[in-house]
Amino acid sequence: MTTAHIEALKKFQKNEITEYHIYTRLSKVIKNPNNAAVLERIGKEEKAHYEVWKKYTQTEVKPNFLRIHWFYYISKIFGITFGIKLLEHGEEGAQKAYAKYLADIPEAKRIMEEEDAHEHELIGLIDEERLKYVGSIVLGLNDALVELTGALAGLSLALQNTKVIAMAGLISGIAAGFSMAAADYLSQKADEGSKNAVKSATYTGLAYFITLFLLIAPYLLLSHYMVCLGVTICIAILIIFVFNYYISVAKDLNFKRRFAEMTLISLGVSAFTFAISFVVKKALGVNL
């Protein structure tokens, strides 16, 4: 093999030994014993892949410790499903790279097949509570974004006082949040097949209140109401981006379509409410 080929195999080695440590470390913190056993087995396969590449490079390669820590804490914060899916997405490029060596390294085909099997095996691996209630989170998040960005746009033009706008937004938002959670609880309770109405309502309420306080924050920290509105809209777009990226990775959904749809709805409602507030203010002759 050429020097370039050897260097490429060393990169494969580093990737495999790094993922061995990631899967092994995650297997020790996951609560479900069956899931932990699968992660441990996949980790051992990654170590076996490392040994295959080592046979050709005749070199020991150290893992990427920064990547190990990154995926470990990503999984701890955002959930094991998100962490593993994100890791597996990164392996797609490696599998294509392995294909170049099918002629020279007989084991390369087996490694590719096992890497592909990992992805399919992991799809049904994790049973995470937070993903069971994605619908409830979407309900609370989407309602808060659409309702509050619209309300704050209207209140900003009508009141033009950041503290008063924050007060009005908080009062109406808190009431709407509890109302949304209660409605979700009653809806789930009415469904005879649902035994988790309280949890569903809790996820809906939490998603709503977290979004509420993030959108109101600029009005508590800044002085000009139009600057506050601009920052609030930017925060809303950021929330939509982060949430949809998380869901698209964890549940294999189309990120661009979901992000565009949710953003257009939220901004459209804000623009419409702002225009309505302007018309109403002029019609009633209110000057603040």
C-alpha atoms as a PDB file:
ATOM      1  CA  MET A   1       0.000   0.000   0.000  1.00  0.00           C
ATOM      2  CA  THR A   2       1.065   3.570  -0.623  1.00  0.00           C
ATOM      3  CA  THR A   3       1.805   6.017   2.176  1.00  0.00           C
ATOM      4  CA  ALA A   4      -1.453   7.836   1.366  1.00  0.00           C
ATOM      5  CA  HIS A   5      -3.415   4.602   1.805  1.00  0.00           C
ATOM      6  CA  ILE A   6      -1.764   3.909   5.146  1.00  0.00           C
ATOM      7  CA  GLU A   7      -2.608   7.411   6.381  1.00  0.00           C
ATOM      8  CA  ALA A   8      -6.232   6.923   5.302  1.00  0.00           C
ATOM      9  CA  LEU A   9      -6.402   3.629   7.225  1.00  0.00           C
ATOM     10  CA  LYS A  10      -4.990   5.348  10.310  1.00  0.00           C
ATOM     11  CA  LYS A  11      -7.891   7.805  10.134  1.00  0.00           C
ATOM     12  CA  PHE A  12     -10.290   4.850   9.986  1.00  0.00           C
ATOM     13  CA  GLN A  13      -8.512   3.398  13.020  1.00  0.00           C
ATOM     14  CA  LYS A  14      -8.872   6.613  14.960  1.00  0.00           C
ATOM     15  CA  ASN A  15     -12.564   6.814  14.084  1.00  0.00           C
ATOM     16  CA  GLU A  16     -13.229   3.205  15.115  1.00  0.00           C
ATOM     17  CA  ILE A  17     -11.366   3.353  18.432  1.00  0.00           C
ATOM     18  CA  THR A  18     -13.053   6.665  19.241  1.00  0.00           C
ATOM     19  CA  GLU A  19     -16.508   5.199  18.618  1.00  0.00           C
ATOM     20  CA  TYR A  20     -15.570   2.123  20.656  1.00  0.00           C
ATOM     21  CA  HIS A  21     -14.996   4.388  23.653  1.00  0.00           C
ATOM     22  CA  ILE A  22     -18.169   6.389  22.980  1.00  0.00           C
ATOM     23  CA  TYR A  23     -20.440   3.328  22.796  1.00  0.00           C
ATOM     24  CA  THR A  24     -18.740   1.651  25.760  1.00  0.00           C
ATOM     25  CA  ARG A  25     -19.055   4.751  27.918  1.00  0.00           C
ATOM     26  CA  LEU A  26     -22.699   5.264  26.972  1.00  0.00           C
ATOM     27  CA  SER A  27     -23.472   1.593  27.676  1.00  0.00           C
ATOM     28  CA  LYS A  28     -22.422   2.152  31.289  1.00  0.00           C
ATOM     29  CA  VAL A  29     -24.819   5.039  31.905  1.00  0.00           C
ATOM     30  CA  ILE A  30     -27.930   3.911  30.016  1.00  0.00           C
ATOM     31  CA  LYS A  31     -30.565   2.530  32.393  1.00  0.00           C
ATOM     32  CA  ASN A  32     -32.236  -0.050  30.167  1.00  0.00           C
ATOM     33  CA  PRO A  33     -30.075  -3.233  30.475  1.00  0.00           C
ATOM     34  CA  ASN A  34     -31.034  -4.522  27.022  1.00  0.00           C
ATOM     35  CA  ASN A  35     -30.117  -1.230  25.379  1.00  0.00           C
ATOM     36  CA  ALA A  36     -26.873  -1.149  27.375  1.00  0.00           C
ATOM     37  CA  ALA A  37     -25.980  -4.661  26.181  1.00  0.00           C
ATOM     38  CA  VAL A  38     -26.541  -3.716  22.529  1.00  0.00           C
ATOM     39  CA  LEU A  39     -24.406  -0.587  22.881  1.00  0.00           C
ATOM     40  CA  GLU A  40     -21.655  -2.599  24.529  1.00  0.00           C
ATOM     41  CA  ARG A  41     -21.737  -5.188  21.724  1.00  0.00           C
ATOM     42  CA  ILE A  42     -21.578  -2.488  19.039  1.00  0.00           C
ATOM     43  CA  GLY A  43     -18.658  -0.945  20.905  1.00  0.00           C
ATOM     44  CA  LYS A  44     -16.825  -4.268  20.774  1.00  0.00           C
ATOM     45  CA  GLU A  45     -17.469  -4.483  17.035  1.00  0.00           C
ATOM     46  CA  GLU A  46     -15.983  -1.026  16.591  1.00  0.00           C
ATOM     47  CA  LYS A  47     -12.911  -2.234  18.516  1.00  0.00           C
ATOM     48  CA  ALA A  48     -12.707  -5.272  16.202  1.00  0.00           C
ATOM     49  CA  HIS A  49     -12.817  -2.941  13.191  1.00  0.00           C
ATOM     50  CA  TYR A  50      -9.956  -0.989  14.720  1.00  0.00           C
ATOM     51  CA  GLU A  51      -7.920  -4.195  14.978  1.00  0.00           C
ATOM     52  CA  VAL A  52      -8.558  -4.949  11.283  1.00  0.00           C
ATOM     53  CA  TRP A  53      -7.179  -1.588  10.174  1.00  0.00           C
ATOM     54  CA  LYS A  54      -4.310  -1.955  12.640  1.00  0.00           C
ATOM     55  CA  LYS A  55      -3.297  -5.214  10.940  1.00  0.00           C
ATOM     56  CA  TYR A  56      -2.605  -3.224   7.773  1.00  0.00           C
ATOM     57  CA  THR A  57      -1.067  -0.101   9.348  1.00  0.00           C
ATOM     58  CA  GLN A  58       0.955  -1.929  12.032  1.00  0.00           C
ATOM     59  CA  THR A  59       0.402   1.134  14.218  1.00  0.00           C
ATOM     60  CA  GLU A  60      -1.438   1.933  17.455  1.00  0.00           C
ATOM     61  CA  VAL A  61      -3.676   4.988  17.143  1.00  0.00           C
ATOM     62  CA  LYS A  62      -5.093   6.998  20.043  1.00  0.00           C
ATOM     63  CA  PRO A  63      -8.798   7.924  20.138  1.00  0.00           C
ATOM     64  CA  ASN A  64     -10.145  11.438  19.770  1.00  0.00           C
ATOM     65  CA  PHE A  65     -10.833  12.210  23.432  1.00  0.00           C
ATOM     66  CA  LEU A  66     -12.526  15.534  22.639  1.00  0.00           C
ATOM     67  CA  ARG A  67     -15.046  13.724  20.402  1.00  0.00           C
ATOM     68  CA  ILE A  68     -15.643  11.099  23.107  1.00  0.00           C
ATOM     69  CA  HIS A  69     -16.469  13.764  25.689  1.00  0.00           C
ATOM     70  CA  TRP A  70     -18.565  15.733  23.160  1.00  0.00           C
ATOM     71  CA  PHE A  71     -20.882  12.857  22.255  1.00  0.00           C
ATOM     72  CA  TYR A  72     -21.071  11.658  25.865  1.00  0.00           C
ATOM     73  CA  TYR A  73     -22.315  15.004  27.155  1.00  0.00           C
ATOM     74  CA  ILE A  74     -24.505  15.604  24.096  1.00  0.00           C
ATOM     75  CA  SER A  75     -26.228  12.297  24.939  1.00  0.00           C
ATOM     76  CA  LYS A  76     -26.527  13.189  28.627  1.00  0.00           C
ATOM     77  CA  ILE A  77     -28.064  16.605  27.891  1.00  0.00           C
ATOM     78  CA  PHE A  78     -30.222  15.921  24.824  1.00  0.00           C
ATOM     79  CA  GLY A  79     -30.879  12.219  25.274  1.00  0.00           C
ATOM     80  CA  ILE A  80     -29.229   8.994  24.217  1.00  0.00           C
ATOM     81  CA  THR A  81     -31.317   8.781  21.027  1.00  0.00           C
ATOM     82  CA  PHE A  82     -30.164  12.170  19.762  1.00  0.00           C
ATOM     83  CA  GLY A  83     -26.527  11.478  20.646  1.00  0.00           C
ATOM     84  CA  ILE A  84     -26.436   8.087  18.937  1.00  0.00           C
ATOM     85  CA  LYS A  85     -28.306   9.239  15.825  1.00  0.00           C
ATOM     86  CA  LEU A  86     -25.935  12.198  15.508  1.00  0.00           C
ATOM     87  CA  LEU A  87     -22.977   9.844  15.834  1.00  0.00           C
ATOM     88  CA  GLU A  88     -24.383   7.445  13.253  1.00  0.00           C
ATOM     89  CA  HIS A  89     -24.986  10.278  10.779  1.00  0.00           C
ATOM     90  CA  GLY A  90     -21.273  10.990  10.979  1.00  0.00           C
ATOM     91  CA  GLU A  91     -20.494   7.378  10.055  1.00  0.00           C
ATOM     92  CA  GLU A  92     -22.159   7.637   6.627  1.00  0.00           C
ATOM     93  CA  GLY A  93     -19.103   9.331   5.154  1.00  0.00           C
ATOM     94  CA  ALA A  94     -16.799   6.712   6.670  1.00  0.00           C
ATOM     95  CA  GLN A  95     -18.767   3.891   5.057  1.00  0.00           C
ATOM     96  CA  LYS A  96     -18.344   5.490   1.623  1.00  0.00           C
ATOM     97  CA  ALA A  97     -14.626   5.867   2.262  1.00  0.00           C
ATOM     98  CA  TYR A  98     -14.332   2.181   3.177  1.00  0.00           C
ATOM     99  CA  ALA A  99     -15.736   1.242  -0.252  1.00  0.00           C
ATOM    100  CA  LYS A 100     -12.519   2.449  -1.905  1.00  0.00           C
ATOM    101  CA  TYR A 101     -10.606  -0.348  -0.211  1.00  0.00           C
ATOM    102  CA  LEU A 102     -12.866  -3.293  -1.023  1.00  0.00           C
ATOM    103  CA  ALA A 103     -10.429  -4.624  -3.622  1.00  0.00           C
ATOM    104  CA  ASP A 104      -7.318  -4.407  -1.413  1.00  0.00           C
ATOM    105  CA  ILE A 105      -8.816  -5.286   1.994  1.00  0.00           C
ATOM    106  CA  PRO A 106     -11.237  -8.248   2.079  1.00  0.00           C
ATOM    107  CA  GLU A 107     -12.479  -7.317   5.555  1.00  0.00           C
ATOM    108  CA  ALA A 108     -13.653  -3.883   4.364  1.00  0.00           C
ATOM    109  CA  LYS A 109     -16.928  -5.288   3.025  1.00  0.00           C
ATOM    110  CA  ARG A 110     -17.749  -6.935   6.352  1.00  0.00           C
ATOM    111  CA  ILE A 111     -16.959  -3.711   8.204  1.00  0.00           C
ATOM    112  CA  MET A 112     -19.286  -1.767   5.882  1.00  0.00           C
ATOM    113  CA  GLU A 113     -22.095  -4.277   6.457  1.00  0.00           C
ATOM    114  CA  GLU A 114     -21.663  -4.152  10.225  1.00  0.00           C
ATOM    115  CA  GLU A 115     -21.605  -0.340  10.229  1.00  0.00           C
ATOM    116  CA  ASP A 116     -24.838  -0.315   8.208  1.00  0.00           C
ATOM    117  CA  ALA A 117     -26.372  -2.858  10.610  1.00  0.00           C
ATOM    118  CA  HIS A 118     -25.516  -0.556  13.520  1.00  0.00           C
ATOM    119  CA  GLU A 119     -27.736   2.188  12.135  1.00  0.00           C
ATOM    120  CA  HIS A 120     -30.718  -0.136  11.605  1.00  0.00           C
ATOM    121  CA  GLU A 121     -30.234  -1.779  14.981  1.00  0.00           C
ATOM    122  CA  LEU A 122     -30.027   1.539  16.780  1.00  0.00           C
ATOM    123  CA  ILE A 123     -33.263   2.840  15.245  1.00  0.00           C
ATOM    124  CA  GLY A 124     -35.284   0.510  17.448  1.00  0.00           C
ATOM    125  CA  LEU A 125     -32.814   0.514  20.301  1.00  0.00           C
ATOM    126  CA  ILE A 126     -33.840   3.376  22.538  1.00  0.00           C
ATOM    127  CA  ASP A 127     -37.123   3.812  24.340  1.00  0.00           C
ATOM    128  CA  GLU A 128     -36.852   7.370  25.654  1.00  0.00           C
ATOM    129  CA  GLU A 129     -39.677   9.026  27.513  1.00  0.00           C
ATOM    130  CA  ARG A 130     -39.060  12.479  26.078  1.00  0.00           C
ATOM    131  CA  LEU A 131     -39.520  11.165  22.529  1.00  0.00           C
ATOM    132  CA  LYS A 132     -42.852   9.577  23.492  1.00  0.00           C
ATOM    133  CA  TYR A 133     -44.146  13.046  24.269  1.00  0.00           C
ATOM    134  CA  VAL A 134     -42.768  14.920  21.259  1.00  0.00           C
ATOM    135  CA  GLY A 135     -46.354  15.659  20.216  1.00  0.00           C
ATOM    136  CA  SER A 136     -47.022  17.345  23.566  1.00  0.00           C
ATOM    137  CA  ILE A 137     -43.787  19.342  23.356  1.00  0.00           C
ATOM    138  CA  VAL A 138     -44.624  20.435  19.803  1.00  0.00           C
ATOM    139  CA  LEU A 139     -48.090  21.487  20.972  1.00  0.00           C
ATOM    140  CA  GLY A 140     -46.756  23.684  23.772  1.00  0.00           C
ATOM    141  CA  LEU A 141     -43.808  25.046  21.822  1.00  0.00           C
ATOM    142  CA  ASN A 142     -45.697  25.804  18.634  1.00  0.00           C
ATOM    143  CA  ASP A 143     -48.631  27.401  20.446  1.00  0.00           C
ATOM    144  CA  ALA A 144     -46.301  29.588  22.520  1.00  0.00           C
ATOM    145  CA  LEU A 145     -44.285  30.679  19.491  1.00  0.00           C
ATOM    146  CA  VAL A 146     -47.291  31.505  17.328  1.00  0.00           C
ATOM    147  CA  GLU A 147     -49.372  33.069  20.093  1.00  0.00           C
ATOM    148  CA  LEU A 148     -46.638  34.995  21.905  1.00  0.00           C
ATOM    149  CA  THR A 149     -44.718  36.353  18.926  1.00  0.00           C
ATOM    150  CA  GLY A 150     -48.030  37.625  17.584  1.00  0.00           C
ATOM    151  CA  ALA A 151     -49.159  39.027  20.937  1.00  0.00           C
ATOM    152  CA  LEU A 152     -45.812  40.714  21.635  1.00  0.00           C
ATOM    153  CA  ALA A 153     -45.780  42.251  18.168  1.00  0.00           C
ATOM    154  CA  GLY A 154     -49.231  43.703  18.765  1.00  0.00           C
ATOM    155  CA  LEU A 155     -48.473  44.810  22.323  1.00  0.00           C
ATOM    156  CA  SER A 156     -45.221  46.452  21.238  1.00  0.00           C
ATOM    157  CA  LEU A 157     -47.005  48.755  18.828  1.00  0.00           C
ATOM    158  CA  ALA A 158     -49.991  49.345  21.090  1.00  0.00           C
ATOM    159  CA  LEU A 159     -48.180  49.982  24.394  1.00  0.00           C
ATOM    160  CA  GLN A 160     -44.642  51.064  23.416  1.00  0.00           C
ATOM    161  CA  ASN A 161     -43.395  50.528  26.976  1.00  0.00           C
ATOM    162  CA  THR A 162     -41.126  47.523  27.519  1.00  0.00           C
ATOM    163  CA  LYS A 163     -42.045  46.896  31.177  1.00  0.00           C
ATOM    164  CA  VAL A 164     -45.772  47.181  30.517  1.00  0.00           C
ATOM    165  CA  ILE A 165     -45.424  44.924  27.468  1.00  0.00           C
ATOM    166  CA  ALA A 166     -43.489  42.367  29.572  1.00  0.00           C
ATOM    167  CA  MET A 167     -46.154  42.497  32.291  1.00  0.00           C
ATOM    168  CA  ALA A 168     -49.013  42.058  29.836  1.00  0.00           C
ATOM    169  CA  GLY A 169     -47.154  39.307  27.993  1.00  0.00           C
ATOM    170  CA  LEU A 170     -46.349  37.402  31.196  1.00  0.00           C
ATOM    171  CA  ILE A 171     -49.859  37.608  32.587  1.00  0.00           C
ATOM    172  CA  SER A 172     -51.538  36.515  29.362  1.00  0.00           C
ATOM    173  CA  GLY A 173     -48.789  33.964  28.646  1.00  0.00           C
ATOM    174  CA  ILE A 174     -48.933  32.283  32.061  1.00  0.00           C
ATOM    175  CA  ALA A 175     -52.706  32.038  31.848  1.00  0.00           C
ATOM    176  CA  ALA A 176     -52.485  30.647  28.305  1.00  0.00           C
ATOM    177  CA  GLY A 177     -49.795  28.151  29.363  1.00  0.00           C
ATOM    178  CA  PHE A 178     -51.911  26.688  32.154  1.00  0.00           C
ATOM    179  CA  SER A 179     -54.910  26.662  29.836  1.00  0.00           C
ATOM    180  CA  MET A 180     -52.930  24.789  27.180  1.00  0.00           C
ATOM    181  CA  ALA A 181     -51.656  22.240  29.710  1.00  0.00           C
ATOM    182  CA  ALA A 182     -55.155  21.717  31.095  1.00  0.00           C
ATOM    183  CA  ALA A 183     -56.606  21.290  27.613  1.00  0.00           C
ATOM    184  CA  ASP A 184     -53.946  18.715  26.771  1.00  0.00           C
ATOM    185  CA  TYR A 185     -54.651  16.871  30.034  1.00  0.00           C
ATOM    186  CA  LEU A 186     -58.390  16.717  29.339  1.00  0.00           C
ATOM    187  CA  SER A 187     -57.756  15.671  25.747  1.00  0.00           C
ATOM    188  CA  GLN A 188     -55.446  12.831  26.813  1.00  0.00           C
ATOM    189  CA  LYS A 189     -57.790  11.837  29.625  1.00  0.00           C
ATOM    190  CA  ALA A 190     -60.705  11.595  27.228  1.00  0.00           C
ATOM    191  CA  ASP A 191     -58.698   9.107  25.195  1.00  0.00           C
ATOM    192  CA  GLU A 192     -59.319   5.768  26.895  1.00  0.00           C
ATOM    193  CA  GLY A 193     -56.018   4.431  25.611  1.00  0.00           C
ATOM    194  CA  SER A 194     -53.995   7.178  27.287  1.00  0.00           C
ATOM    195  CA  LYS A 195     -52.656   6.497  30.779  1.00  0.00           C
ATOM    196  CA  ASN A 196     -50.144   9.348  30.846  1.00  0.00           C
ATOM    197  CA  ALA A 197     -52.342  12.442  30.742  1.00  0.00           C
ATOM    198  CA  VAL A 198     -50.427  14.156  33.578  1.00  0.00           C
ATOM    199  CA  LYS A 199     -47.032  13.638  31.924  1.00  0.00           C
ATOM    200  CA  SER A 200     -48.359  14.781  28.572  1.00  0.00           C
ATOM    201  CA  ALA A 201     -49.813  17.953  30.117  1.00  0.00           C
ATOM    202  CA  THR A 202     -46.568  18.558  32.017  1.00  0.00           C
ATOM    203  CA  TYR A 203     -44.467  18.390  28.839  1.00  0.00           C
ATOM    204  CA  THR A 204     -46.916  20.707  27.070  1.00  0.00           C
ATOM    205  CA  GLY A 205     -46.867  23.210  29.933  1.00  0.00           C
ATOM    206  CA  LEU A 206     -43.089  23.147  30.348  1.00  0.00           C
ATOM    207  CA  ALA A 207     -42.517  23.687  26.630  1.00  0.00           C
ATOM    208  CA  TYR A 208     -44.935  26.626  26.700  1.00  0.00           C
ATOM    209  CA  PHE A 209     -43.478  28.304  29.817  1.00  0.00           C
ATOM    210  CA  ILE A 210     -39.840  27.908  28.762  1.00  0.00           C
ATOM    211  CA  THR A 211     -40.677  29.479  25.404  1.00  0.00           C
ATOM    212  CA  LEU A 212     -42.682  32.214  27.157  1.00  0.00           C
ATOM    213  CA  PHE A 213     -39.817  33.328  29.390  1.00  0.00           C
ATOM    214  CA  LEU A 214     -37.280  33.241  26.552  1.00  0.00           C
ATOM    215  CA  LEU A 215     -39.484  35.448  24.363  1.00  0.00           C
ATOM    216  CA  ILE A 216     -40.313  37.882  27.188  1.00  0.00           C
ATOM    217  CA  ALA A 217     -36.682  38.217  28.351  1.00  0.00           C
ATOM    218  CA  PRO A 218     -35.700  41.013  25.897  1.00  0.00           C
ATOM    219  CA  TYR A 219     -38.486  43.230  27.265  1.00  0.00           C
ATOM    220  CA  LEU A 220     -37.075  42.799  30.773  1.00  0.00           C
ATOM    221  CA  LEU A 221     -33.473  43.489  29.758  1.00  0.00           C
ATOM    222  CA  LEU A 222     -33.640  46.100  26.982  1.00  0.00           C
ATOM    223  CA  SER A 223     -35.191  49.570  26.807  1.00  0.00           C
ATOM    224  CA  HIS A 224     -36.521  50.197  23.278  1.00  0.00           C
ATOM    225  CA  TYR A 225     -39.680  48.273  22.431  1.00  0.00           C
ATOM    226  CA  MET A 226     -38.837  47.824  18.714  1.00  0.00           C
ATOM    227  CA  VAL A 227     -35.362  46.495  19.549  1.00  0.00           C
ATOM    228  CA  CYS A 228     -37.003  44.113  21.999  1.00  0.00           C
ATOM    229  CA  LEU A 229     -39.411  42.907  19.319  1.00  0.00           C
ATOM    230  CA  GLY A 230     -36.556  42.324  16.877  1.00  0.00           C
ATOM    231  CA  VAL A 231     -34.563  40.331  19.461  1.00  0.00           C
ATOM    232  CA  THR A 232     -37.675  38.345  20.416  1.00  0.00           C
ATOM    233  CA  ILE A 233     -38.258  37.352  16.790  1.00  0.00           C
ATOM    234  CA  CYS A 234     -34.602  36.285  16.490  1.00  0.00           C
ATOM    235  CA  ILE A 235     -34.984  34.177  19.661  1.00  0.00           C
ATOM    236  CA  ALA A 236     -38.153  32.617  18.240  1.00  0.00           C
ATOM    237  CA  ILE A 237     -36.325  31.658  15.025  1.00  0.00           C
ATOM    238  CA  LEU A 238     -33.436  30.239  17.084  1.00  0.00           C
ATOM    239  CA  ILE A 239     -35.844  28.147  19.188  1.00  0.00           C
ATOM    240  CA  ILE A 240     -37.498  26.834  16.023  1.00  0.00           C
ATOM    241  CA  PHE A 241     -34.092  25.995  14.542  1.00  0.00           C
ATOM    242  CA  VAL A 242     -32.757  24.163  17.602  1.00  0.00           C
ATOM    243  CA  PHE A 243     -35.965  22.230  18.273  1.00  0.00           C
ATOM    244  CA  ASN A 244     -36.480  21.148  14.673  1.00  0.00           C
ATOM    245  CA  TYR A 245     -32.841  20.124  14.322  1.00  0.00           C
ATOM    246  CA  TYR A 246     -33.178  18.002  17.457  1.00  0.00           C
ATOM    247  CA  ILE A 247     -36.379  16.345  16.245  1.00  0.00           C
ATOM    248  CA  SER A 248     -35.067  15.836  12.709  1.00  0.00           C
ATOM    249  CA  VAL A 249     -32.030  13.964  14.042  1.00  0.00           C
ATOM    250  CA  ALA A 250     -33.779  11.993  16.793  1.00  0.00           C
ATOM    251  CA  LYS A 251     -36.749  10.944  14.659  1.00  0.00           C
ATOM    252  CA  ASP A 252     -35.249  11.033  11.141  1.00  0.00           C
ATOM    253  CA  LEU A 253     -37.547  13.805   9.879  1.00  0.00           C
ATOM    254  CA  ASN A 254     -37.083  16.455   7.200  1.00  0.00           C
ATOM    255  CA  PHE A 255     -35.391  19.405   8.928  1.00  0.00           C
ATOM    256  CA  LYS A 256     -35.626  22.038   6.177  1.00  0.00           C
ATOM    257  CA  ARG A 257     -39.330  21.568   5.528  1.00  0.00           C
ATOM    258  CA  ARG A 258     -40.288  21.591   9.229  1.00  0.00           C
ATOM    259  CA  PHE A 259     -38.074  24.581  10.013  1.00  0.00           C
ATOM    260  CA  ALA A 260     -39.390  26.620   7.075  1.00  0.00           C
ATOM    261  CA  GLU A 261     -43.017  25.792   7.853  1.00  0.00           C
ATOM    262  CA  MET A 262     -42.798  26.643  11.552  1.00  0.00           C
ATOM    263  CA  THR A 263     -40.828  29.838  10.903  1.00  0.00           C
ATOM    264  CA  LEU A 264     -43.235  31.102   8.245  1.00  0.00           C
ATOM    265  CA  ILE A 265     -46.246  30.476  10.490  1.00  0.00           C
ATOM    266  CA  SER A 266     -44.717  32.252  13.507  1.00  0.00           C
ATOM    267  CA  LEU A 267     -43.443  35.244  11.528  1.00  0.00           C
ATOM    268  CA  GLY A 268     -46.645  35.425   9.493  1.00  0.00           C
ATOM    269  CA  VAL A 269     -48.791  35.618  12.624  1.00  0.00           C
ATOM    270  CA  SER A 270     -46.464  38.266  14.096  1.00  0.00           C
ATOM    271  CA  ALA A 271     -46.673  40.426  10.970  1.00  0.00           C
ATOM    272  CA  PHE A 272     -50.447  40.040  10.772  1.00  0.00           C
ATOM    273  CA  THR A 273     -50.939  40.913  14.457  1.00  0.00           C
ATOM    274  CA  PHE A 274     -48.630  43.918  14.134  1.00  0.00           C
ATOM    275  CA  ALA A 275     -50.686  45.176  11.193  1.00  0.00           C
ATOM    276  CA  ILE A 276     -53.981  44.603  13.046  1.00  0.00           C
ATOM    277  CA  SER A 277     -52.645  46.510  16.063  1.00  0.00           C
ATOM    278  CA  PHE A 278     -51.707  49.433  13.831  1.00  0.00           C
ATOM    279  CA  VAL A 279     -55.176  49.516  12.247  1.00  0.00           C
ATOM    280  CA  VAL A 280     -56.995  49.206  15.589  1.00  0.00           C
ATOM    281  CA  LYS A 281     -54.828  51.864  17.192  1.00  0.00           C
ATOM    282  CA  LYS A 282     -55.557  54.305  14.375  1.00  0.00           C
ATOM    283  CA  ALA A 283     -59.262  53.443  14.293  1.00  0.00           C
ATOM    284  CA  LEU A 284     -59.678  54.029  18.022  1.00  0.00           C
ATOM    285  CA  GLY A 285     -57.472  57.084  18.036  1.00  0.00           C
ATOM    286  CA  VAL A 286     -55.296  55.741  20.835  1.00  0.00           C
ATOM    287  CA  ASN A 287     -51.996  57.564  21.401  1.00  0.00           C
ATOM    288  CA  LEU A 288     -49.564  56.350  24.049  1.00  0.00           C
END
